[in-house]
Structure formats: structure tokens, C-alpha cells
Amino acid sequence: MDGSEASAFIEFVRVFLALGVPVGILNRGAPLRGTRFLAWAALRARFGNGRPFEMVNVGACDGALFDDVTPWLHRIPNARAVLVEPIPYNQQRLRKNYPDEERFRIEPLAITRKPGSITVKTFDAAALESGTLPIEFIGCSSITDTNLMSGKNAWGEADVDFRKFEPYLKDIEVPSDTLQSVLDRNKVEHIDAFLVDCEGADWIVFDQLDLDRYRPGMIKVEIGALPAIEIGNVVVKLKTAGYNVGIYAEDVWAFA
């Protein structure tokens, strides 16, 4: 069994387990429950006649690296998505990974509370492409002063390697718009899965989502770069709306 076959087998086992595990156990593992949600969506799309699965992903990066949800768009027949990504380098990678322009609409901007433009701190594309920087830095652009951008790790401690990376940081100006404007422009009437991964701007985005109107079946919000008060805001908003909430690593997962 070669590498690709092994990867496919592991993915099959994960989906099989997610579909068959008792709810009491499943609820203790938020990512596994997310896998079951997406697997059922794939089955319904393949054998049912319902509306197309719709995802909204804010901070989509390239839709592949370190992402266990967005690639399901390729496994759910006729799935559609609005993919918001402000960094030009990532937009190119994203379109290559999701070439169907009718089904996968890329919004090349940042989500802010008011439309306009905003400065984003990001890493030099050539340094990323050449391997000079760690591959995970591809997804580390931010409009906020996160720990990473300040030379600290996720826990606020000084990062001894930061000075090696600091010369490759740069500021770029990108267009911005509100979340609702993006949804309206793309005629989004329903949302099945809503993802936010914005390196510190996650609450700014999620605060704008009208849960009463869209009621996504699954929500995933990265909280690793948020201050404690905003992590609380995310959880309170979800719990108040009646979502079942779980936290795994640096993400909040929620299910309607």
C-alpha cells in the first residue's frame, strides 16, 4: 500500500467510525462529530434530492493545508461555497484547488465591521514558495496583532526563532467588506457549514453572522489567537442560540 492508498484508507476508516460511533462517545470528540456531519451531507447529496450543500469559509487560505473541513467540498456532490481570502498568494492556490468558478466563489478581501480597505500583516510569498519559511506560515496572515505577529507563540511566551522570520513579514493593503454584504452579493440563502480562521479577527467575523437567519448545521471557529473575553463571546453566542458546543485544540466546534 503506497502513501496515497494509505491516506485514502485512513480517511475511509475515519468516516466509517464517525458514522457508526454511538452518540455518547461521538459528542466527546468534536472533530469526529464534524466528520460525521460532513459524511452524512455527502450521502444525502449523492442519494437525495435536496438543496446543494453550502459552505462559507472566512479565512480559507488555500482550502487544503491544515484543513480537515474544506476539502469535503470535493466529496459532497454539487457542493457550493463562498471562500473568503484576502491574501493574493493564497487566492491563487485556492483557485487552483477549487477551479469551478460557478460553484466555488472566491471573495478576495478581509471581513471587517465596515467596508473599505485594511492593512494585513503577512509573510513574503517568495519566501513561502521557496521553503525559506515553515509551511504553516502560509495561513498566518492577520489584521490583528496576534502573538505570532508579535514574536510570541500561541501561549504568549517569547519565540526564540522569531527574529529569523521577522524580515519576511510585510504589510499589504487589501479591500474589506462586511460579512452580510458578502453573503448578499453571493446570494447566500442558507449555510450548512460556516468556518472562521482569521488569526485573531475571528470574533470580528463571527459576531456578524446572523444565526437566526442562517442557522448553519455546523460551525467551526478558531480561537487560538483570541483574547479570553472574545473566546467567551464566541461560546456564549453559540450556547445562547442553542448550539451543542465542543472545543478541540484551538477550535470551537458547534452543531445545531
Protein backbone atom coordinates (compact mmCIF):
# COMPACT_ATOMS: atom_id res chain seq x y z
CA MET A 1 0.00 0.00 0.00
CA ASP A 2 1.60 3.29 -1.13
CA GLY A 3 1.22 6.68 0.57
CA SER A 4 -1.90 7.79 -1.33
CA GLU A 5 -3.63 4.45 -0.79
CA ALA A 6 -2.80 4.56 2.92
CA SER A 7 -4.16 8.11 3.18
CA ALA A 8 -7.38 7.10 1.42
CA PHE A 9 -7.75 4.07 3.69
CA ILE A 10 -7.28 6.18 6.83
CA GLU A 11 -9.87 8.66 5.57
CA PHE A 12 -12.30 5.80 4.89
CA VAL A 13 -11.81 4.43 8.39
CA ARG A 14 -12.36 7.87 9.92
CA VAL A 15 -15.63 8.34 8.03
CA PHE A 16 -16.77 4.79 8.85
CA LEU A 17 -16.09 5.35 12.55
CA ALA A 18 -17.80 8.72 12.54
CA LEU A 19 -20.96 7.21 11.04
CA GLY A 20 -21.00 4.24 13.39
CA VAL A 21 -19.83 5.54 16.76
CA PRO A 22 -22.56 5.91 19.44
CA VAL A 23 -23.65 9.49 20.04
CA GLY A 24 -22.48 9.45 23.66
CA ILE A 25 -18.92 8.80 22.56
CA LEU A 26 -19.12 10.92 19.41
CA ASN A 27 -20.11 14.02 21.38
CA ARG A 28 -16.82 13.83 23.31
CA GLY A 29 -14.81 14.35 20.13
CA ALA A 30 -15.87 17.48 18.24
CA PRO A 31 -13.79 16.83 15.08
CA LEU A 32 -15.18 13.29 14.82
CA ARG A 33 -18.69 14.65 15.10
CA GLY A 34 -17.78 17.15 12.38
CA THR A 35 -16.65 14.30 10.17
CA ARG A 36 -19.98 12.54 10.69
CA PHE A 37 -21.87 15.73 9.84
CA LEU A 38 -19.94 16.08 6.58
CA ALA A 39 -20.17 12.38 5.74
CA TRP A 40 -23.95 12.46 6.10
CA ALA A 41 -24.03 15.58 3.92
CA ALA A 42 -22.10 13.67 1.26
CA LEU A 43 -24.52 10.74 1.44
CA ARG A 44 -27.57 12.98 1.25
CA ALA A 45 -26.12 14.83 -1.73
CA ARG A 46 -25.37 11.59 -3.53
CA PHE A 47 -28.68 9.85 -2.93
CA GLY A 48 -31.13 12.65 -2.13
CA ASN A 49 -32.81 15.47 -4.00
CA GLY A 50 -32.35 18.28 -1.50
CA ARG A 51 -30.75 21.70 -1.95
CA PRO A 52 -26.99 21.84 -2.63
CA PHE A 53 -24.66 21.83 0.36
CA GLU A 54 -23.41 25.38 1.00
CA MET A 55 -20.25 26.30 2.90
CA VAL A 56 -18.98 29.73 3.89
CA ASN A 57 -15.29 29.80 4.84
CA VAL A 58 -13.79 33.08 6.05
CA GLY A 59 -10.01 32.87 6.05
CA ALA A 60 -9.96 29.98 3.60
CA CYS A 61 -6.18 30.11 2.93
CA ASP A 62 -5.68 27.59 0.10
CA GLY A 63 -8.53 25.32 1.19
CA ALA A 64 -6.21 22.38 1.70
CA LEU A 65 -3.30 22.86 4.11
CA PHE A 66 -4.08 22.04 7.74
CA ASP A 67 -7.80 21.99 6.87
CA ASP A 68 -9.94 18.97 7.68
CA VAL A 69 -13.25 20.51 6.56
CA THR A 70 -12.97 22.49 3.31
CA PRO A 71 -11.68 19.52 1.22
CA TRP A 72 -15.07 17.89 1.80
CA LEU A 73 -16.34 20.21 -0.94
CA HIS A 74 -14.75 17.74 -3.35
CA ARG A 75 -16.53 14.79 -1.69
CA ILE A 76 -20.02 16.27 -1.43
CA PRO A 77 -21.61 16.18 -4.89
CA ASN A 78 -22.64 19.62 -6.24
CA ALA A 79 -21.44 21.36 -3.06
CA ARG A 80 -21.08 25.12 -3.25
CA ALA A 81 -19.01 27.59 -1.24
CA VAL A 82 -18.12 31.20 -0.65
CA LEU A 83 -14.39 31.24 0.13
CA VAL A 84 -13.12 34.49 1.64
CA GLU A 85 -9.36 35.02 1.43
CA PRO A 86 -7.56 38.40 1.43
CA ILE A 87 -4.00 37.32 0.54
CA PRO A 88 -3.27 37.24 -3.24
CA TYR A 89 -0.79 34.37 -2.91
CA ASN A 90 -3.41 32.22 -1.18
CA GLN A 91 -6.12 33.25 -3.63
CA GLN A 92 -4.10 31.75 -6.46
CA ARG A 93 -3.58 28.50 -4.58
CA LEU A 94 -7.24 28.44 -3.58
CA ARG A 95 -8.47 28.81 -7.16
CA LYS A 96 -6.11 26.06 -8.28
CA ASN A 97 -7.54 23.75 -5.63
CA TYR A 98 -11.15 24.77 -6.38
CA PRO A 99 -11.24 25.60 -10.10
CA ASP A 100 -15.04 25.54 -10.61
CA GLU A 101 -15.80 29.27 -10.53
CA GLU A 102 -19.57 28.77 -10.59
CA ARG A 103 -19.68 26.52 -7.53
CA PHE A 104 -16.75 27.98 -5.60
CA ARG A 105 -16.84 31.77 -5.37
CA ILE A 106 -13.68 33.39 -4.05
CA GLU A 107 -14.05 36.75 -2.30
CA PRO A 108 -10.59 38.44 -2.39
CA LEU A 109 -10.98 40.57 0.72
CA ALA A 110 -10.98 40.72 4.51
CA ILE A 111 -14.13 40.78 6.62
CA THR A 112 -14.38 43.93 8.73
CA ARG A 113 -17.17 45.78 10.51
CA LYS A 114 -17.24 48.48 7.81
CA PRO A 115 -16.46 48.28 4.08
CA GLY A 116 -13.29 49.85 2.76
CA SER A 117 -9.72 48.61 2.98
CA ILE A 118 -7.43 47.41 5.72
CA THR A 119 -3.77 46.64 6.33
CA VAL A 120 -2.92 42.95 6.68
CA LYS A 121 0.33 41.65 8.08
CA THR A 122 1.54 38.66 6.09
CA PHE A 123 4.68 36.76 5.12
CA ASP A 124 6.58 37.20 1.87
CA ALA A 125 5.16 34.92 -0.83
CA ALA A 126 8.55 34.15 -2.39
CA ALA A 127 9.94 33.03 0.98
CA LEU A 128 6.92 30.77 1.47
CA GLU A 129 7.20 29.30 -2.00
CA SER A 130 10.92 28.64 -1.70
CA GLY A 131 10.59 26.90 1.66
CA THR A 132 12.58 29.57 3.49
CA LEU A 133 9.66 29.84 5.92
CA PRO A 134 7.77 26.96 7.59
CA ILE A 135 4.84 25.80 5.50
CA GLU A 136 2.34 26.59 8.27
CA PHE A 137 3.12 30.31 7.83
CA ILE A 138 1.08 30.22 4.61
CA GLY A 139 -2.02 30.54 6.78
CA CYS A 140 -0.72 33.07 9.31
CA SER A 141 -1.74 36.43 7.85
CA SER A 142 -3.67 38.69 10.19
CA ILE A 143 -5.30 42.10 10.52
CA THR A 144 -4.74 41.94 14.28
CA ASP A 145 -1.62 41.98 16.45
CA THR A 146 -1.61 38.27 17.23
CA ASN A 147 1.04 36.57 19.34
CA LEU A 148 2.72 35.18 16.22
CA MET A 149 2.98 38.61 14.64
CA SER A 150 4.44 39.97 17.88
CA GLY A 151 7.16 37.34 18.11
CA LYS A 152 5.41 35.14 20.64
CA ASN A 153 4.00 31.67 20.44
CA ALA A 154 0.36 30.75 20.99
CA TRP A 155 0.79 30.88 24.76
CA GLY A 156 2.31 34.36 24.88
CA GLU A 157 5.87 33.25 25.53
CA ALA A 158 8.79 34.73 23.60
CA ASP A 159 9.61 32.76 20.44
CA VAL A 160 13.39 32.45 20.11
CA ASP A 161 13.05 31.76 16.37
CA PHE A 162 11.01 34.86 15.61
CA ARG A 163 13.99 37.02 14.61
CA LYS A 164 14.69 34.57 11.79
CA PHE A 165 11.20 35.10 10.40
CA GLU A 166 10.67 38.80 11.15
CA PRO A 167 12.46 40.09 7.99
CA TYR A 168 9.87 38.28 5.86
CA LEU A 169 6.88 39.98 7.48
CA LYS A 170 5.27 42.75 5.47
CA ASP A 171 2.14 44.89 5.44
CA ILE A 172 -0.19 44.88 2.46
CA GLU A 173 -3.38 46.82 1.82
CA VAL A 174 -6.43 44.71 0.92
CA PRO A 175 -10.10 45.52 0.26
CA SER A 176 -12.57 44.76 3.04
CA ASP A 177 -16.30 44.37 3.47
CA THR A 178 -18.88 43.26 6.00
CA LEU A 179 -19.91 39.62 6.24
CA GLN A 180 -23.53 40.35 5.39
CA SER A 181 -22.54 42.25 2.23
CA VAL A 182 -20.50 39.26 1.08
CA LEU A 183 -23.38 36.86 1.75
CA ASP A 184 -25.88 39.12 -0.02
CA ARG A 185 -23.59 39.65 -3.01
CA ASN A 186 -23.27 35.88 -3.44
CA LYS A 187 -27.00 35.31 -2.90
CA VAL A 188 -26.41 33.01 0.05
CA GLU A 189 -29.82 31.92 1.35
CA HIS A 190 -28.72 29.07 3.57
CA ILE A 191 -25.46 27.91 5.16
CA ASP A 192 -24.74 24.30 6.05
CA ALA A 193 -21.19 24.78 7.33
CA PHE A 194 -19.63 28.06 8.50
CA LEU A 195 -15.87 28.25 9.12
CA VAL A 196 -13.76 31.08 10.53
CA ASP A 197 -9.96 31.01 10.67
CA CYS A 198 -8.72 34.59 10.74
CA GLU A 199 -5.74 34.58 13.09
CA GLY A 200 -7.17 36.89 15.72
CA ALA A 201 -10.03 38.52 13.79
CA ASP A 202 -12.29 35.52 14.29
CA TRP A 203 -14.73 37.20 16.68
CA ILE A 204 -14.95 40.26 14.41
CA VAL A 205 -16.23 37.89 11.73
CA PHE A 206 -18.37 35.53 13.78
CA ASP A 207 -20.06 38.39 15.65
CA GLN A 208 -21.58 39.44 12.31
CA LEU A 209 -23.18 36.08 11.48
CA ASP A 210 -26.96 36.14 11.89
CA LEU A 211 -27.61 32.75 13.49
CA ASP A 212 -31.37 33.21 13.49
CA ARG A 213 -31.40 33.77 9.75
CA TYR A 214 -28.86 31.17 8.55
CA ARG A 215 -28.67 28.59 11.35
CA PRO A 216 -25.67 26.60 9.99
CA GLY A 217 -25.72 22.92 10.89
CA MET A 218 -22.02 23.04 11.72
CA ILE A 219 -19.81 25.94 12.81
CA LYS A 220 -16.06 25.94 13.39
CA VAL A 221 -14.30 29.00 14.82
CA GLU A 222 -10.59 29.19 15.52
CA ILE A 223 -9.98 30.68 18.97
CA GLY A 224 -6.22 30.13 19.40
CA ALA A 225 -5.35 33.77 18.71
CA LEU A 226 -8.31 35.33 20.55
CA PRO A 227 -8.18 37.04 23.95
CA ALA A 228 -10.16 35.33 26.71
CA ILE A 229 -13.10 37.74 26.53
CA GLU A 230 -13.62 37.05 22.82
CA ILE A 231 -13.39 33.28 23.31
CA GLY A 232 -16.16 33.72 25.85
CA ASN A 233 -18.15 35.80 23.36
CA VAL A 234 -17.95 33.01 20.77
CA VAL A 235 -19.12 30.34 23.21
CA VAL A 236 -21.89 32.48 24.71
CA LYS A 237 -23.27 33.37 21.29
CA LEU A 238 -23.39 29.71 20.31
CA LYS A 239 -24.85 28.44 23.58
CA THR A 240 -27.46 31.21 23.63
CA ALA A 241 -28.54 30.14 20.14
CA GLY A 242 -28.95 26.54 21.34
CA TYR A 243 -25.89 25.00 19.72
CA ASN A 244 -24.10 21.95 21.09
CA VAL A 245 -20.55 23.22 21.62
CA GLY A 246 -17.23 21.39 21.87
CA ILE A 247 -13.64 22.63 21.98
CA TYR A 248 -10.76 20.73 20.44
CA ALA A 249 -7.21 22.12 20.33
CA GLU A 250 -7.59 25.74 19.15
CA ASP A 251 -11.07 25.45 17.62
CA VAL A 252 -14.64 25.74 18.82
CA TRP A 253 -16.97 23.31 17.02
CA ALA A 254 -20.73 23.74 17.25
CA PHE A 255 -23.70 21.79 15.93
CA ALA A 256 -27.32 22.87 15.64
